[in-house]
Amino acid sequence: MTVIRHARPRLARKNTPARLEALGRHEFEGYASLFHVADGAGDIVAPGAFARSLKRRPPGRVRMLYQHFSHEPIGVWDEIAEDRRGLYVRGRLTGGVQRADEVGALIGEGALDGLSIGFRTIRARRDAAAGTRTLLEVELWEISIVTFPLLAGSGVTAIGTKRDAARALSHAAAKLRARALVHRRGLSSPVVTGEGDREAVEGADAGRAGPLRLASLRDAIHLPRKGGGGQ
């Protein structure tokens, strides 16, 4: 009799910590440009096109404007960086400036979410057959919040305040770590890994250390009710 055995490959296990970041009340983030995507004028931005410009001009010197109007600055950029997707940006609307307050309210309601760049072309390559131009190097002058971005997909991805939700998730993760520690070690005394985590482990003892079952992460999360500036 022939016996066929199937060898199952060993699965690699890799633990990667989740990155939780809070956005302040007037902060927002998004993508001002995307790589390898043609805009409405046929321009395609190549990875690295912003590199030299970003070295010469820090985020605070790249203007944040409303609809590309030079007379309507509405905030400051805290971070501008290239990643695999495109040009990531994080900035702050200036509270007390009427237009900035209006823009913040519109973004919060989803009525305004476009981002668009103002730049000078340094190097480019044209493809006459395709009718496109690939931007190899540009000098970035400004990034505007706009109603209709020329590049579809560029825009705001999140706006503050997210701090309460980030705290709740971090607190939940600490609880789960504490419970897992109790399960593994069969602890008889409380283990506190962070503020407010004592209830996650109090009452555990070696004689009751059984299988750890959590229906979902919601068991440990207590998100604040909507209101008070959260989006």
C-alpha atoms as a PDB file:
ATOM      1  CA  MET A   1       0.000   0.000   0.000  1.00  0.00           C
ATOM      2  CA  THR A   2       1.315   3.415  -0.956  1.00  0.00           C
ATOM      3  CA  VAL A   3       1.174   6.072   1.734  1.00  0.00           C
ATOM      4  CA  ILE A   4       1.287   9.701   0.602  1.00  0.00           C
ATOM      5  CA  ARG A   5       2.358  12.237   3.129  1.00  0.00           C
ATOM      6  CA  HIS A   6       2.069  15.958   2.653  1.00  0.00           C
ATOM      7  CA  ALA A   7       4.767  17.997   4.307  1.00  0.00           C
ATOM      8  CA  ARG A   8       3.447  21.251   5.648  1.00  0.00           C
ATOM      9  CA  PRO A   9       5.913  24.141   5.544  1.00  0.00           C
ATOM     10  CA  ARG A  10       6.710  25.754   8.866  1.00  0.00           C
ATOM     11  CA  LEU A  11       5.054  29.121   9.262  1.00  0.00           C
ATOM     12  CA  ALA A  12       7.270  31.981  10.294  1.00  0.00           C
ATOM     13  CA  ARG A  13       5.932  34.015  13.195  1.00  0.00           C
ATOM     14  CA  LYS A  14       6.812  37.660  13.477  1.00  0.00           C
ATOM     15  CA  ASN A  15       5.589  40.017  16.194  1.00  0.00           C
ATOM     16  CA  THR A  16       5.232  43.618  15.069  1.00  0.00           C
ATOM     17  CA  PRO A  17       4.063  46.303  17.507  1.00  0.00           C
ATOM     18  CA  ALA A  18       1.101  48.351  16.370  1.00  0.00           C
ATOM     19  CA  ARG A  19       1.814  52.048  15.891  1.00  0.00           C
ATOM     20  CA  LEU A  20      -0.773  54.240  17.572  1.00  0.00           C
ATOM     21  CA  GLU A  21      -0.489  57.973  17.088  1.00  0.00           C
ATOM     22  CA  ALA A  22      -2.830  60.661  18.324  1.00  0.00           C
ATOM     23  CA  LEU A  23      -3.819  63.701  16.294  1.00  0.00           C
ATOM     24  CA  GLY A  24      -4.431  66.933  18.130  1.00  0.00           C
ATOM     25  CA  ARG A  25      -7.575  69.004  17.851  1.00  0.00           C
ATOM     26  CA  HIS A  26      -6.409  71.055  14.856  1.00  0.00           C
ATOM     27  CA  GLU A  27      -4.167  68.406  13.296  1.00  0.00           C
ATOM     28  CA  PHE A  28      -4.771  66.330  10.185  1.00  0.00           C
ATOM     29  CA  GLU A  29      -2.834  64.025   7.892  1.00  0.00           C
ATOM     30  CA  GLY A  30      -3.031  62.710   4.367  1.00  0.00           C
ATOM     31  CA  TYR A  31      -1.281  62.407   1.007  1.00  0.00           C
ATOM     32  CA  ALA A  32      -0.540  65.484  -1.069  1.00  0.00           C
ATOM     33  CA  SER A  33       0.759  63.405  -3.988  1.00  0.00           C
ATOM     34  CA  LEU A  34       0.761  59.769  -5.096  1.00  0.00           C
ATOM     35  CA  PHE A  35       3.523  57.999  -6.999  1.00  0.00           C
ATOM     36  CA  HIS A  36       2.964  56.314 -10.373  1.00  0.00           C
ATOM     37  CA  VAL A  37      -0.516  57.847 -10.783  1.00  0.00           C
ATOM     38  CA  ALA A  38      -1.326  60.265 -13.610  1.00  0.00           C
ATOM     39  CA  ASP A  39      -3.217  63.397 -12.663  1.00  0.00           C
ATOM     40  CA  GLY A  40      -5.758  65.247 -14.766  1.00  0.00           C
ATOM     41  CA  ALA A  41      -3.013  67.027 -16.712  1.00  0.00           C
ATOM     42  CA  GLY A  42      -1.066  63.843 -17.457  1.00  0.00           C
ATOM     43  CA  ASP A  43       1.690  64.394 -14.872  1.00  0.00           C
ATOM     44  CA  ILE A  44       3.078  61.357 -13.043  1.00  0.00           C
ATOM     45  CA  VAL A  45       5.281  61.825  -9.966  1.00  0.00           C
ATOM     46  CA  ALA A  46       8.227  59.443  -9.653  1.00  0.00           C
ATOM     47  CA  PRO A  47       9.482  58.268  -6.237  1.00  0.00           C
ATOM     48  CA  GLY A  48      12.278  60.536  -5.042  1.00  0.00           C
ATOM     49  CA  ALA A  49      11.003  63.555  -6.945  1.00  0.00           C
ATOM     50  CA  PHE A  50      10.625  65.562  -3.717  1.00  0.00           C
ATOM     51  CA  ALA A  51      13.806  64.350  -1.977  1.00  0.00           C
ATOM     52  CA  ARG A  52      16.146  67.253  -2.725  1.00  0.00           C
ATOM     53  CA  SER A  53      13.461  69.860  -2.201  1.00  0.00           C
ATOM     54  CA  LEU A  54      12.579  68.451   1.228  1.00  0.00           C
ATOM     55  CA  LYS A  55      16.235  68.594   2.262  1.00  0.00           C
ATOM     56  CA  ARG A  56      16.497  72.239   1.253  1.00  0.00           C
ATOM     57  CA  ARG A  57      13.116  73.337   2.585  1.00  0.00           C
ATOM     58  CA  PRO A  58      11.810  71.941   5.898  1.00  0.00           C
ATOM     59  CA  PRO A  59       8.048  71.393   6.396  1.00  0.00           C
ATOM     60  CA  GLY A  60       7.551  74.704   8.197  1.00  0.00           C
ATOM     61  CA  ARG A  61       8.741  76.588   5.117  1.00  0.00           C
ATOM     62  CA  VAL A  62       6.345  74.836   2.756  1.00  0.00           C
ATOM     63  CA  ARG A  63       3.199  76.935   2.893  1.00  0.00           C
ATOM     64  CA  MET A  64      -0.210  75.541   3.771  1.00  0.00           C
ATOM     65  CA  LEU A  65      -2.721  77.441   1.657  1.00  0.00           C
ATOM     66  CA  TYR A  66      -6.423  77.379   0.914  1.00  0.00           C
ATOM     67  CA  GLN A  67      -7.217  76.614  -2.755  1.00  0.00           C
ATOM     68  CA  HIS A  68      -3.686  77.727  -3.814  1.00  0.00           C
ATOM     69  CA  PHE A  69      -4.417  81.344  -2.827  1.00  0.00           C
ATOM     70  CA  SER A  70      -1.155  82.908  -1.650  1.00  0.00           C
ATOM     71  CA  HIS A  71      -3.060  85.441   0.460  1.00  0.00           C
ATOM     72  CA  GLU A  72      -4.843  82.684   2.434  1.00  0.00           C
ATOM     73  CA  PRO A  73      -2.373  80.725   4.576  1.00  0.00           C
ATOM     74  CA  ILE A  74      -4.350  78.566   7.014  1.00  0.00           C
ATOM     75  CA  GLY A  75      -1.789  76.605   9.036  1.00  0.00           C
ATOM     76  CA  VAL A  76       1.633  74.982   9.145  1.00  0.00           C
ATOM     77  CA  TRP A  77       3.055  71.627   8.085  1.00  0.00           C
ATOM     78  CA  ASP A  78       4.765  69.593  10.795  1.00  0.00           C
ATOM     79  CA  GLU A  79       5.802  66.637   8.654  1.00  0.00           C
ATOM     80  CA  ILE A  80       6.286  66.150   4.923  1.00  0.00           C
ATOM     81  CA  ALA A  81       7.933  62.931   3.812  1.00  0.00           C
ATOM     82  CA  GLU A  82       8.029  60.473   0.944  1.00  0.00           C
ATOM     83  CA  ASP A  83       6.950  56.899   1.623  1.00  0.00           C
ATOM     84  CA  ARG A  84       6.078  53.991  -0.646  1.00  0.00           C
ATOM     85  CA  ARG A  85       2.692  55.436  -1.518  1.00  0.00           C
ATOM     86  CA  GLY A  86       3.529  59.064  -2.122  1.00  0.00           C
ATOM     87  CA  LEU A  87       4.029  62.355  -0.309  1.00  0.00           C
ATOM     88  CA  TYR A  88       2.719  61.955   3.250  1.00  0.00           C
ATOM     89  CA  VAL A  89       1.871  65.155   5.139  1.00  0.00           C
ATOM     90  CA  ARG A  90       0.777  66.038   8.656  1.00  0.00           C
ATOM     91  CA  GLY A  91      -0.130  69.583   9.597  1.00  0.00           C
ATOM     92  CA  ARG A  92      -1.994  71.933  11.928  1.00  0.00           C
ATOM     93  CA  LEU A  93      -4.720  74.408  11.095  1.00  0.00           C
ATOM     94  CA  THR A  94      -4.167  77.707  12.909  1.00  0.00           C
ATOM     95  CA  GLY A  95      -6.968  78.161  15.428  1.00  0.00           C
ATOM     96  CA  GLY A  96      -8.514  81.615  15.532  1.00  0.00           C
ATOM     97  CA  VAL A  97      -8.006  82.237  11.812  1.00  0.00           C
ATOM     98  CA  GLN A  98     -11.481  82.364  10.316  1.00  0.00           C
ATOM     99  CA  ARG A  99     -10.667  80.489   7.128  1.00  0.00           C
ATOM    100  CA  ALA A 100      -8.720  77.828   9.028  1.00  0.00           C
ATOM    101  CA  ASP A 101     -11.636  77.305  11.420  1.00  0.00           C
ATOM    102  CA  GLU A 102     -14.003  76.984   8.457  1.00  0.00           C
ATOM    103  CA  VAL A 103     -11.704  74.513   6.702  1.00  0.00           C
ATOM    104  CA  GLY A 104     -11.387  72.434   9.868  1.00  0.00           C
ATOM    105  CA  ALA A 105     -15.159  72.236  10.222  1.00  0.00           C
ATOM    106  CA  LEU A 106     -15.578  71.260   6.551  1.00  0.00           C
ATOM    107  CA  ILE A 107     -12.902  68.559   6.745  1.00  0.00           C
ATOM    108  CA  GLY A 108     -14.499  67.187   9.889  1.00  0.00           C
ATOM    109  CA  GLU A 109     -17.812  66.802   8.056  1.00  0.00           C
ATOM    110  CA  GLY A 110     -16.199  65.297   4.956  1.00  0.00           C
ATOM    111  CA  ALA A 111     -17.239  68.268   2.813  1.00  0.00           C
ATOM    112  CA  LEU A 112     -13.642  69.221   1.977  1.00  0.00           C
ATOM    113  CA  ASP A 113     -10.770  66.751   1.798  1.00  0.00           C
ATOM    114  CA  GLY A 114      -8.613  67.381  -1.272  1.00  0.00           C
ATOM    115  CA  LEU A 115      -4.878  68.106  -1.172  1.00  0.00           C
ATOM    116  CA  SER A 116      -2.902  69.621  -4.027  1.00  0.00           C
ATOM    117  CA  ILE A 117       0.732  70.674  -4.471  1.00  0.00           C
ATOM    118  CA  GLY A 118       2.242  73.830  -5.932  1.00  0.00           C
ATOM    119  CA  PHE A 119       5.703  73.218  -7.383  1.00  0.00           C
ATOM    120  CA  ARG A 120       8.329  74.091  -9.980  1.00  0.00           C
ATOM    121  CA  THR A 121       9.528  71.355 -12.314  1.00  0.00           C
ATOM    122  CA  ILE A 122      13.293  70.727 -12.234  1.00  0.00           C
ATOM    123  CA  ARG A 123      13.571  67.509 -14.260  1.00  0.00           C
ATOM    124  CA  ALA A 124      10.927  65.606 -16.208  1.00  0.00           C
ATOM    125  CA  ARG A 125      10.578  62.972 -18.918  1.00  0.00           C
ATOM    126  CA  ARG A 126       7.848  63.135 -21.534  1.00  0.00           C
ATOM    127  CA  ASP A 127       6.078  60.227 -23.192  1.00  0.00           C
ATOM    128  CA  ALA A 128       4.538  61.630 -26.358  1.00  0.00           C
ATOM    129  CA  ALA A 129       2.762  58.400 -27.226  1.00  0.00           C
ATOM    130  CA  ALA A 130       1.030  58.170 -23.859  1.00  0.00           C
ATOM    131  CA  GLY A 131       0.588  61.910 -23.507  1.00  0.00           C
ATOM    132  CA  THR A 132       2.147  61.930 -20.033  1.00  0.00           C
ATOM    133  CA  ARG A 133       5.019  63.643 -18.276  1.00  0.00           C
ATOM    134  CA  THR A 134       6.950  61.925 -15.490  1.00  0.00           C
ATOM    135  CA  LEU A 135       8.222  64.350 -12.860  1.00  0.00           C
ATOM    136  CA  LEU A 136      11.691  63.225 -11.750  1.00  0.00           C
ATOM    137  CA  GLU A 137      12.534  66.220  -9.567  1.00  0.00           C
ATOM    138  CA  VAL A 138      10.400  69.130  -8.385  1.00  0.00           C
ATOM    139  CA  GLU A 139      10.785  72.070  -6.046  1.00  0.00           C
ATOM    140  CA  LEU A 140       7.867  72.017  -3.625  1.00  0.00           C
ATOM    141  CA  TRP A 141       6.496  75.476  -2.800  1.00  0.00           C
ATOM    142  CA  GLU A 142       3.151  74.902  -1.152  1.00  0.00           C
ATOM    143  CA  ILE A 143       0.471  72.345  -0.379  1.00  0.00           C
ATOM    144  CA  SER A 144      -3.146  73.441  -0.477  1.00  0.00           C
ATOM    145  CA  ILE A 145      -6.397  72.108   0.855  1.00  0.00           C
ATOM    146  CA  VAL A 146      -8.699  72.151  -2.155  1.00  0.00           C
ATOM    147  CA  THR A 147     -12.182  71.189  -3.244  1.00  0.00           C
ATOM    148  CA  PHE A 148     -11.167  69.454  -6.486  1.00  0.00           C
ATOM    149  CA  PRO A 149      -7.623  68.036  -6.513  1.00  0.00           C
ATOM    150  CA  LEU A 150      -6.085  67.481  -9.943  1.00  0.00           C
ATOM    151  CA  LEU A 151      -4.785  64.114  -8.731  1.00  0.00           C
ATOM    152  CA  ALA A 152      -7.595  61.747  -7.782  1.00  0.00           C
ATOM    153  CA  GLY A 153      -6.843  59.989  -4.496  1.00  0.00           C
ATOM    154  CA  SER A 154      -4.726  62.717  -2.947  1.00  0.00           C
ATOM    155  CA  GLY A 155      -6.345  64.120   0.143  1.00  0.00           C
ATOM    156  CA  VAL A 156      -6.886  64.178   3.887  1.00  0.00           C
ATOM    157  CA  THR A 157      -7.072  60.734   5.496  1.00  0.00           C
ATOM    158  CA  ALA A 158      -7.614  61.696   9.164  1.00  0.00           C
ATOM    159  CA  ILE A 159      -8.292  64.727  11.328  1.00  0.00           C
ATOM    160  CA  GLY A 160      -8.113  65.160  15.140  1.00  0.00           C
ATOM    161  CA  THR A 161      -9.119  64.718  17.808  1.00  0.00           C
ATOM    162  CA  LYS A 162      -8.103  61.043  17.926  1.00  0.00           C
ATOM    163  CA  ARG A 163      -6.217  61.210  21.214  1.00  0.00           C
ATOM    164  CA  ASP A 164      -8.992  59.645  23.330  1.00  0.00           C
ATOM    165  CA  ALA A 165      -9.353  56.695  20.958  1.00  0.00           C
ATOM    166  CA  ALA A 166      -5.591  56.158  20.858  1.00  0.00           C
ATOM    167  CA  ARG A 167      -5.437  56.177  24.661  1.00  0.00           C
ATOM    168  CA  ALA A 168      -8.299  53.667  24.833  1.00  0.00           C
ATOM    169  CA  LEU A 169      -6.604  51.311  22.390  1.00  0.00           C
ATOM    170  CA  SER A 170      -3.280  51.567  24.203  1.00  0.00           C
ATOM    171  CA  HIS A 171      -5.046  50.866  27.505  1.00  0.00           C
ATOM    172  CA  ALA A 172      -6.798  47.860  25.971  1.00  0.00           C
ATOM    173  CA  ALA A 173      -3.512  46.482  24.634  1.00  0.00           C
ATOM    174  CA  ALA A 174      -1.960  46.796  28.109  1.00  0.00           C
ATOM    175  CA  LYS A 175      -4.899  44.883  29.603  1.00  0.00           C
ATOM    176  CA  LEU A 176      -4.517  42.083  27.094  1.00  0.00           C
ATOM    177  CA  ARG A 177      -0.799  41.825  27.810  1.00  0.00           C
ATOM    178  CA  ALA A 178      -1.507  41.660  31.544  1.00  0.00           C
ATOM    179  CA  ARG A 179      -4.128  38.947  31.118  1.00  0.00           C
ATOM    180  CA  ALA A 180      -1.810  36.919  28.907  1.00  0.00           C
ATOM    181  CA  LEU A 181       0.911  37.208  31.555  1.00  0.00           C
ATOM    182  CA  VAL A 182      -1.490  35.900  34.208  1.00  0.00           C
ATOM    183  CA  HIS A 183      -2.421  32.976  31.987  1.00  0.00           C
ATOM    184  CA  ARG A 184       1.179  32.032  31.187  1.00  0.00           C
ATOM    185  CA  ARG A 185       2.561  32.304  34.697  1.00  0.00           C
ATOM    186  CA  GLY A 186      -0.460  31.503  36.833  1.00  0.00           C
ATOM    187  CA  LEU A 187       0.172  34.555  38.980  1.00  0.00           C
ATOM    188  CA  SER A 188      -1.438  34.856  42.401  1.00  0.00           C
ATOM    189  CA  SER A 189      -0.720  38.548  42.862  1.00  0.00           C
ATOM    190  CA  PRO A 190      -1.769  41.536  40.777  1.00  0.00           C
ATOM    191  CA  VAL A 191       0.469  42.661  37.942  1.00  0.00           C
ATOM    192  CA  VAL A 192       0.082  46.252  36.887  1.00  0.00           C
ATOM    193  CA  THR A 193       1.571  47.147  33.511  1.00  0.00           C
ATOM    194  CA  GLY A 194       0.048  50.600  33.234  1.00  0.00           C
ATOM    195  CA  GLU A 195      -2.326  53.028  34.846  1.00  0.00           C
ATOM    196  CA  GLY A 196      -5.793  51.543  35.199  1.00  0.00           C
ATOM    197  CA  ASP A 197      -4.680  47.978  34.393  1.00  0.00           C
ATOM    198  CA  ARG A 198      -4.949  46.557  37.908  1.00  0.00           C
ATOM    199  CA  GLU A 199      -8.482  45.319  37.329  1.00  0.00           C
ATOM    200  CA  ALA A 200      -7.201  43.176  34.449  1.00  0.00           C
ATOM    201  CA  VAL A 201      -5.223  40.919  36.734  1.00  0.00           C
ATOM    202  CA  GLU A 202      -6.614  41.286  40.256  1.00  0.00           C
ATOM    203  CA  GLY A 203      -8.111  38.129  41.677  1.00  0.00           C
ATOM    204  CA  ALA A 204      -6.080  35.786  39.475  1.00  0.00           C
ATOM    205  CA  ASP A 205      -4.387  32.876  41.219  1.00  0.00           C
ATOM    206  CA  ALA A 206      -2.417  29.823  40.177  1.00  0.00           C
ATOM    207  CA  GLY A 207      -5.245  27.438  40.969  1.00  0.00           C
ATOM    208  CA  ARG A 208      -7.628  29.203  38.571  1.00  0.00           C
ATOM    209  CA  ALA A 209      -5.263  29.741  35.689  1.00  0.00           C
ATOM    210  CA  GLY A 210      -7.188  28.217  32.797  1.00  0.00           C
ATOM    211  CA  PRO A 211      -7.480  28.873  29.061  1.00  0.00           C
ATOM    212  CA  LEU A 212      -7.518  32.565  28.200  1.00  0.00           C
ATOM    213  CA  ARG A 213     -10.538  33.399  26.091  1.00  0.00           C
ATOM    214  CA  LEU A 214     -11.427  36.875  24.874  1.00  0.00           C
ATOM    215  CA  ALA A 215     -14.385  37.282  22.571  1.00  0.00           C
ATOM    216  CA  SER A 216     -12.760  40.274  20.898  1.00  0.00           C
ATOM    217  CA  LEU A 217     -10.663  43.298  21.535  1.00  0.00           C
ATOM    218  CA  ARG A 218     -13.879  45.083  22.525  1.00  0.00           C
ATOM    219  CA  ASP A 219     -13.781  43.191  25.820  1.00  0.00           C
ATOM    220  CA  ALA A 220     -10.940  45.438  26.875  1.00  0.00           C
ATOM    221  CA  ILE A 221     -11.819  48.671  25.085  1.00  0.00           C
ATOM    222  CA  HIS A 222     -13.935  51.422  26.562  1.00  0.00           C
ATOM    223  CA  LEU A 223     -14.087  54.133  23.920  1.00  0.00           C
ATOM    224  CA  PRO A 224     -15.396  57.548  24.923  1.00  0.00           C
ATOM    225  CA  ARG A 225     -18.838  58.572  23.751  1.00  0.00           C
ATOM    226  CA  LYS A 226     -18.961  60.782  20.712  1.00  0.00           C
ATOM    227  CA  GLY A 227     -18.766  64.426  21.618  1.00  0.00           C
ATOM    228  CA  GLY A 228     -16.309  66.850  23.127  1.00  0.00           C
ATOM    229  CA  GLY A 229     -14.269  67.363  19.962  1.00  0.00           C
ATOM    230  CA  GLY A 230     -13.760  63.763  18.815  1.00  0.00           C
ATOM    231  CA  GLN A 231     -14.228  62.687  15.199  1.00  0.00           C
END
